[in-house]
Amino acid sequence: MVELQQEKFELSLEHLKKAELVAKNSLQFKSTTYNNLACYYRRTGKIRTALAYLISALELELKMETPKTLADTHLNLCAVLSQLDRH
């Protein structure tokens, strides 16, 4: 995410894709990674792709007893849906 803030988009995506592979066995890590991927795609203007990742993150979080990023996912969803409404 630091790379994303520094606008190092290629490096950011590379690390996020690695994180996705590492997180494949953990619902929590996978949902966090999906949230981060959504931030990447939102920042790079691919709003619908961001929305798809956020929906996937939400689906994973709803399967957890105590999801830790549910509020973040909802905030990100609001931002993305708001952006889609403007297009």
Protein backbone atom coordinates (compact mmCIF):
# COMPACT_ATOMS: atom_id res chain seq x y z
CA MET A 1 0.00 0.00 0.00
CA VAL A 2 2.98 2.31 0.55
CA GLU A 3 3.93 1.85 -3.08
CA LEU A 4 0.39 2.72 -4.11
CA GLN A 5 0.56 5.94 -2.09
CA GLN A 6 3.87 6.73 -3.79
CA GLU A 7 2.24 6.04 -7.18
CA LYS A 8 4.54 3.10 -7.89
CA PHE A 9 1.65 1.29 -9.52
CA GLU A 10 3.47 -1.62 -11.17
CA LEU A 11 5.37 -2.52 -8.01
CA SER A 12 2.22 -2.15 -5.93
CA LEU A 13 0.25 -4.53 -8.16
CA GLU A 14 3.12 -7.01 -8.17
CA HIS A 15 3.17 -7.10 -4.36
CA LEU A 16 -0.61 -7.28 -4.11
CA LYS A 17 -0.71 -10.26 -6.48
CA LYS A 18 1.94 -12.00 -4.34
CA ALA A 19 -0.09 -11.23 -1.24
CA GLU A 20 -3.13 -12.77 -2.92
CA LEU A 21 -1.22 -16.03 -3.38
CA VAL A 22 0.09 -16.04 0.19
CA ALA A 23 -3.37 -15.26 1.61
CA LYS A 24 -5.23 -17.99 -0.23
CA ASN A 25 -5.72 -20.13 2.91
CA SER A 26 -6.96 -17.36 5.20
CA LEU A 27 -10.34 -15.69 4.80
CA GLN A 28 -9.16 -12.66 6.79
CA PHE A 29 -5.94 -12.12 4.87
CA LYS A 30 -7.68 -12.78 1.58
CA SER A 31 -10.41 -10.23 2.29
CA THR A 32 -7.81 -7.66 3.36
CA THR A 33 -5.86 -8.30 0.17
CA TYR A 34 -9.05 -7.92 -1.89
CA ASN A 35 -9.70 -4.61 -0.15
CA ASN A 36 -6.17 -3.49 -1.00
CA LEU A 37 -6.53 -4.64 -4.60
CA ALA A 38 -9.76 -2.65 -4.78
CA CYS A 39 -7.87 0.42 -3.59
CA TYR A 40 -5.28 -0.18 -6.30
CA TYR A 41 -7.88 -0.50 -9.05
CA ARG A 42 -9.84 2.49 -7.78
CA ARG A 43 -6.66 4.57 -7.76
CA THR A 44 -5.80 3.49 -11.31
CA GLY A 45 -9.28 4.30 -12.60
CA LYS A 46 -10.63 0.77 -12.95
CA ILE A 47 -13.69 1.35 -10.79
CA ARG A 48 -15.69 -1.70 -11.85
CA THR A 49 -12.75 -3.99 -11.14
CA ALA A 50 -12.43 -2.34 -7.72
CA LEU A 51 -16.12 -3.00 -7.11
CA ALA A 52 -15.71 -6.68 -8.02
CA TYR A 53 -12.87 -7.08 -5.52
CA LEU A 54 -14.87 -5.35 -2.80
CA ILE A 55 -17.85 -7.60 -3.38
CA SER A 56 -15.54 -10.61 -3.10
CA ALA A 57 -14.05 -9.21 0.12
CA LEU A 58 -17.52 -8.67 1.56
CA GLU A 59 -18.59 -12.21 0.66
CA LEU A 60 -15.55 -13.60 2.47
CA GLU A 61 -16.10 -11.40 5.52
CA LEU A 62 -19.72 -12.49 5.83
CA LYS A 63 -18.45 -16.07 6.24
CA MET A 64 -16.30 -15.09 9.25
CA GLU A 65 -17.43 -15.03 12.86
CA THR A 66 -15.61 -11.80 13.64
CA PRO A 67 -14.43 -10.08 10.48
CA LYS A 68 -11.83 -7.42 11.24
CA THR A 69 -12.15 -5.38 8.05
CA LEU A 70 -15.91 -5.30 7.53
CA ALA A 71 -16.16 -1.58 8.27
CA ASP A 72 -13.27 -0.85 5.88
CA THR A 73 -14.95 -2.87 3.17
CA HIS A 74 -18.21 -0.97 3.61
CA LEU A 75 -16.40 2.39 3.49
CA ASN A 76 -14.53 1.35 0.36
CA LEU A 77 -17.78 0.12 -1.20
CA CYS A 78 -19.41 3.48 -0.50
CA ALA A 79 -16.52 5.32 -2.14
CA VAL A 80 -16.53 3.09 -5.21
CA LEU A 81 -20.30 3.18 -5.62
CA SER A 82 -20.20 6.94 -5.28
CA GLN A 83 -17.57 7.13 -8.01
CA LEU A 84 -19.59 4.85 -10.28
CA ASP A 85 -22.60 7.13 -9.88
CA ARG A 86 -20.53 10.01 -11.26
CA HIS A 87 -19.62 8.19 -14.48
